[in-house]
Amino acid sequence: MDIAKELPTVISFCSGYGGIERGLDLVGYEHRVIAYVEIEAFAIENLATKMENKQLDAAPIWSNVKTFPAHLFRDKVSLLTSGYPCQPFSAAGERKGTDDPRHLWPYIREHIRTIRPLRVFFENVEGHISLGLSTVISDLEEDGYVCSWGIFSAEEVGAPHRRKRVYILAHRDNRQRELTEQ
């Protein structure tokens, strides 16, 4: 890797164990994580251990997405990732959607509007398709992103279980941005 080359920057919301960022490494997407946000203490400890062992980029860890200082990162982020909480949408739970206190999409959306990353990449459960996904897609499109999404299973990449997940990838529509800034 040419260290003189500036790497794309990543912010990870609802980081968990850093799975999305590890996946980016495995597919060869060279990047530098500049911040993690995770509320669960055991996941924070796991992230810190992986940073110490050089398995993840060393970066600050914020413990609450609701109070994350997004303004500090405006126009400095190539990719914002998140495995935002699935409990509001999961068939395994009560499917309370926006009434679930773990529903974090409004906070993440506000941070996207503030940070203005070039791309966003999200992961969630299959139940999100019938509850909440259309809102996420329409919100992103309203905010100037071109979206695509799909459902994929762990089985498709060789795992011994199905574990279907929804993935959302969106990129900022610079044509729309140029029109709104004129």
Protein backbone atom coordinates (compact mmCIF):
# COMPACT_ATOMS: atom_id res chain seq x y z
CA MET A 1 0.00 0.00 0.00
CA ASP A 2 1.29 3.47 -0.92
CA ILE A 3 1.09 5.42 2.35
CA ALA A 4 1.26 8.68 0.40
CA LYS A 5 -2.11 7.77 -1.11
CA GLU A 6 -5.01 9.18 0.86
CA LEU A 7 -7.34 6.33 1.82
CA PRO A 8 -11.11 6.64 1.79
CA THR A 9 -12.39 7.45 5.29
CA VAL A 10 -15.08 5.45 7.09
CA ILE A 11 -17.28 6.14 10.09
CA SER A 12 -18.95 3.09 11.62
CA PHE A 13 -22.24 3.52 13.51
CA CYS A 14 -23.61 0.68 15.64
CA SER A 15 -20.27 -1.01 15.01
CA GLY A 16 -20.80 -4.18 17.00
CA TYR A 17 -17.62 -6.21 16.59
CA GLY A 18 -16.54 -4.30 13.46
CA GLY A 19 -17.90 -6.90 11.06
CA ILE A 20 -18.74 -4.53 8.22
CA GLU A 21 -15.32 -2.92 8.41
CA ARG A 22 -13.65 -6.35 8.51
CA GLY A 23 -15.72 -7.29 5.46
CA LEU A 24 -14.42 -4.21 3.66
CA ASP A 25 -10.88 -5.46 4.38
CA LEU A 26 -11.69 -8.94 3.11
CA VAL A 27 -13.02 -7.66 -0.23
CA GLY A 28 -9.93 -5.50 -0.69
CA TYR A 29 -11.49 -2.09 -0.12
CA GLU A 30 -8.59 -0.09 1.27
CA HIS A 31 -9.88 2.43 3.78
CA ARG A 32 -9.22 4.10 7.12
CA VAL A 33 -11.83 4.07 9.88
CA ILE A 34 -11.84 7.45 11.62
CA ALA A 35 -14.56 6.77 14.22
CA TYR A 36 -16.62 3.95 15.68
CA VAL A 37 -19.91 4.38 17.54
CA GLU A 38 -21.08 1.53 19.76
CA ILE A 39 -23.09 1.57 22.99
CA GLU A 40 -22.60 -2.01 24.25
CA ALA A 41 -19.66 -2.28 26.66
CA PHE A 42 -18.70 -5.82 25.61
CA ALA A 43 -18.62 -4.76 21.94
CA ILE A 44 -16.55 -1.67 22.79
CA GLU A 45 -14.07 -3.89 24.63
CA ASN A 46 -13.94 -6.21 21.62
CA LEU A 47 -13.32 -3.28 19.25
CA ALA A 48 -10.54 -1.94 21.49
CA THR A 49 -8.89 -5.39 21.64
CA LYS A 50 -9.05 -5.70 17.84
CA MET A 51 -7.45 -2.25 17.52
CA GLU A 52 -4.67 -3.24 19.93
CA ASN A 53 -4.08 -6.42 17.88
CA LYS A 54 -4.05 -4.40 14.62
CA GLN A 55 -7.15 -6.24 13.33
CA LEU A 56 -9.05 -2.94 13.06
CA ASP A 57 -7.93 0.62 12.49
CA ALA A 58 -7.22 2.54 15.67
CA ALA A 59 -9.88 5.22 15.99
CA PRO A 60 -11.95 6.87 18.72
CA ILE A 61 -15.03 5.01 19.95
CA TRP A 62 -18.11 7.05 20.85
CA SER A 63 -20.66 5.29 23.02
CA ASN A 64 -23.88 6.94 21.86
CA VAL A 65 -25.02 7.57 18.31
CA LYS A 66 -27.63 10.03 19.61
CA THR A 67 -24.93 12.42 20.88
CA PHE A 68 -22.25 11.78 18.24
CA PRO A 69 -20.60 15.10 17.18
CA ALA A 70 -21.37 14.70 13.47
CA HIS A 71 -20.53 18.33 12.67
CA LEU A 72 -16.84 17.56 13.26
CA PHE A 73 -16.86 15.19 10.28
CA ARG A 74 -18.77 17.25 7.69
CA ASP A 75 -17.50 16.53 4.16
CA LYS A 76 -14.64 14.38 5.54
CA VAL A 77 -16.19 10.92 5.15
CA SER A 78 -16.10 8.65 2.12
CA LEU A 79 -18.31 5.91 3.57
CA LEU A 80 -20.64 5.73 6.56
CA THR A 81 -21.49 2.18 7.62
CA SER A 82 -24.03 0.89 10.09
CA GLY A 83 -25.62 -2.30 11.28
CA TYR A 84 -28.27 -0.24 13.07
CA PRO A 85 -30.43 -2.13 15.61
CA CYS A 86 -32.62 -4.82 14.10
CA GLN A 87 -34.97 -5.27 17.07
CA PRO A 88 -37.54 -2.74 15.78
CA PHE A 89 -37.91 -4.78 12.55
CA SER A 90 -37.05 -8.36 13.47
CA ALA A 91 -39.60 -11.16 13.18
CA ALA A 92 -37.97 -12.59 16.32
CA GLY A 93 -39.15 -9.58 18.33
CA GLU A 94 -42.23 -7.45 18.78
CA ARG A 95 -41.72 -5.45 15.53
CA LYS A 96 -42.54 -2.12 17.18
CA GLY A 97 -40.81 -0.18 14.38
CA THR A 98 -40.62 3.53 15.19
CA ASP A 99 -42.18 2.89 18.63
CA ASP A 100 -39.19 0.79 19.71
CA PRO A 101 -36.72 2.81 21.85
CA ARG A 102 -33.88 1.13 19.91
CA HIS A 103 -35.09 2.66 16.63
CA LEU A 104 -32.07 4.76 15.69
CA TRP A 105 -32.74 5.56 12.03
CA PRO A 106 -33.83 9.19 12.72
CA TYR A 107 -30.50 9.89 14.46
CA ILE A 108 -28.47 8.17 11.76
CA ARG A 109 -30.34 10.08 9.07
CA GLU A 110 -29.64 13.39 10.81
CA HIS A 111 -25.95 12.51 11.03
CA ILE A 112 -25.89 11.63 7.33
CA ARG A 113 -27.41 15.02 6.55
CA THR A 114 -24.74 16.71 8.67
CA ILE A 115 -21.72 14.65 7.61
CA ARG A 116 -22.69 14.30 3.93
CA PRO A 117 -20.69 11.11 3.27
CA LEU A 118 -20.13 10.13 -0.34
CA ARG A 119 -21.65 6.69 0.29
CA VAL A 120 -23.56 4.82 2.97
CA PHE A 121 -23.73 1.07 3.52
CA PHE A 122 -26.16 -0.57 5.94
CA GLU A 123 -27.02 -4.08 7.09
CA ASN A 124 -30.19 -5.26 8.79
CA VAL A 125 -32.55 -8.21 9.17
CA GLU A 126 -34.90 -9.56 6.50
CA GLY A 127 -37.91 -8.27 8.48
CA HIS A 128 -36.79 -4.74 7.61
CA ILE A 129 -38.18 -5.27 4.10
CA SER A 130 -41.75 -5.21 5.39
CA LEU A 131 -41.15 -2.70 8.18
CA GLY A 132 -39.07 0.44 7.84
CA LEU A 133 -36.97 -0.20 4.73
CA SER A 134 -39.15 1.92 2.45
CA THR A 135 -38.73 4.83 4.89
CA VAL A 136 -34.94 4.47 4.95
CA ILE A 137 -34.79 4.35 1.14
CA SER A 138 -37.16 7.31 0.66
CA ASP A 139 -35.33 9.36 3.33
CA LEU A 140 -31.98 8.73 1.66
CA GLU A 141 -33.38 9.60 -1.77
CA GLU A 142 -34.97 12.76 -0.37
CA ASP A 143 -31.57 13.69 1.03
CA GLY A 144 -29.90 13.34 -2.37
CA TYR A 145 -28.69 9.73 -2.45
CA VAL A 146 -29.19 7.11 -5.15
CA CYS A 147 -30.05 3.83 -3.42
CA SER A 148 -30.00 0.15 -4.13
CA TRP A 149 -30.68 -2.70 -1.79
CA GLY A 150 -30.80 -6.46 -1.81
CA ILE A 151 -31.22 -9.45 0.39
CA PHE A 152 -28.38 -11.92 0.70
CA SER A 153 -27.77 -14.94 2.89
CA ALA A 154 -24.68 -16.12 4.67
CA GLU A 155 -25.25 -19.44 2.90
CA GLU A 156 -24.53 -17.73 -0.44
CA VAL A 157 -20.97 -17.07 0.65
CA GLY A 158 -20.28 -20.49 2.09
CA ALA A 159 -21.62 -20.35 5.66
CA PRO A 160 -23.47 -23.42 6.97
CA HIS A 161 -26.59 -21.37 7.78
CA ARG A 162 -28.97 -19.14 5.85
CA ARG A 163 -29.11 -15.94 7.97
CA LYS A 164 -30.65 -13.61 5.40
CA ARG A 165 -29.78 -9.94 5.67
CA VAL A 166 -30.82 -6.76 3.89
CA TYR A 167 -27.97 -4.61 2.57
CA ILE A 168 -28.46 -1.01 1.48
CA LEU A 169 -25.88 0.86 -0.56
CA ALA A 170 -26.40 4.50 -1.48
CA HIS A 171 -24.21 7.14 -3.04
CA ARG A 172 -24.64 10.86 -3.06
CA ASP A 173 -26.19 12.08 -6.29
CA ASN A 174 -23.83 14.91 -7.11
CA ARG A 175 -26.04 16.09 -9.98
CA GLN A 176 -28.90 16.76 -7.53
CA ARG A 177 -26.48 18.37 -5.07
CA GLU A 178 -25.18 20.72 -7.76
CA LEU A 179 -28.75 21.75 -8.62
CA THR A 180 -29.68 22.48 -4.99
CA GLU A 181 -26.49 24.48 -4.33
CA GLN A 182 -27.02 26.84 -7.29
